[in-house]
Amino acid sequence: MNEYKNYTIAGLTGGILLVYGFCFPNLSSDWSFFIISRIQASMDIMDSGQLLIASFAYIARNGIIYFLLYFGAVLLASSITKNTNSLVFQSIYTMITTGSVIVLNQIYQESAALAPHLISLGILLILQSYIPKQRHYFLTYSVILLFLLTAMQCLHLIPFLSGWTFGADDIAVSLKAADSFITEDQLFTTLFFVFFTIFFIIAVIFTLLVHLFNVQITTLKKYQLQEKELEETRFALTESKVYQEIHTLVHDLKTPLVSVNGLISLIGLKYEASDDSKLKDYLNRVDHSIQKMNDMISEILYENIKKEIGIEEFLRYVVSHLALDDQKIQLDINIAKNLPYIRINKIRFARAISNLLENAIISFQGKEGKIEIDVKQVNNDILFKIKDNGPGIQEDHLLEIWKEGFTTKDSSGIGLSFVKRVVENHQGRVSVTSTAGSHTQMEIFLPVLPQEGSLTK
């Protein structure tokens, strides 16, 4: 929509410039009278200085007229084709420009030839192909156009080019006639050839500088993108290595647990006939704790191990691992009634929820705050909604926070990417909405599976 609006504005501006270009000779009639009077004065007193003043005024006046026509034409052509790289654009631009010159000649009965304009258009289209099609395209084009038109107007005052239809309008013919009378064509031939060369070279060099600068910027962006991709790859490899090391370490924990479990069993057999009820209770509790640790290790090692658990029990487990004692934070938990059990990998899903809560806690930076956890069923999903009244997330970060390695704090940046991965492993989805300075709300949708038949209270 914005792009369409920009092209519409460009078209309207182009049309206005063309109309103003057609009206400019009338609006600058005093300018024309000044040029003619200077020509007459230079011939009366044989003063080449007066002639130069008149010639520079001619170049400036014609430069403005044709700048309005050429630039208006490029704006209008771009609004029609919406692509300045296409052959269609070049054709339409050429037709609008030459048509404008013809109309100008007809209105003011000028005898300006089309050949010089076709040469100017050819050079412009070549230079235009090197201009980066970016934000400041039209500004860059206008600068190049200004230098090139000034150079081409200088050619109209070089006497020996008259045979090639340069300088065929009445004022140009008068200026060259005065030069021939005063300096025998020596002044204009030398001076305006030098000026043409200078302005033409400036136009070419400026185009090349803009092109080379754009190439440098494009290359820099490409390197930055490659560097970012390398950083993400490096981070993924590091995370994978850390995960493998943790996986190995956790797996190795099973060996001493098996030994401890065996020893507890032996101790239980030895004191089986004992009447010490407390000792038996202790042994049973230790055996139960070891079995629980074994289950936890299995869930860590194998992501696909999922068990049914009540939502209240699950959230009690999550909250029990949060460090809230020294925090000025109010935690409210609201669980809808009659929710089905969820089937999850308890350890990994609890870690995901904990990451969201810890991010909220950290965002308060020791200040008072409130975190709300709401759980309810929405159609075929269980919705976990976690909302805090913290400082919020900047809008330009909302699309980046789920990427590997992204962080606005001094951390590894794996928190939210881990959350997303865990939720998706449970066939769920996670989203965030936030208003900077107001709140952040995380929503996790977990599908209700057919196996989930039990109900919580």
Foldseek 3Di string as FASTA:
>chain_A
DVLLVVLVVLQVQLVVLLVCLLCLCVVCVVLVVQLVVLLVVCLVVLPVVSLVVSLVSVLVSVLSSLLSQLLSLLSNLCSVVVDLVDPSSLVSSVCSSLVSVVVSCVVVVWPQDCVLVVVLSVVLSVLLVLADPDDCSSVLSSVLSSLQSSLSSLVLQQVVCVVVRRVRTDSSVSSNVSCCVNPVRPVSNPVSVVSSVVSNVVSNVSSVVNSVVVVVVVVVVVVVVVVVVVVLVVLVVVVVVVLVVVLVVLVVVVVVLVVVLVVLVVVCVVCVVPPPPVVVVVSVVVNVVSVVSVLLSVLSNDVPQKAWDAPVVLVVVLVVPDPCPQAQEAEAEAEDFFDFTAIGSSVLQSLLVNLVVVVLRVQCVRPYWYWYWYWDDDVQWIKTKIKIFGQKDDPVCQVPLLRQQDDPDPDSSCRNVSSQVRLVVQVKGKHWDIDGHGMIMIMIIHGRDPVGDDTDD
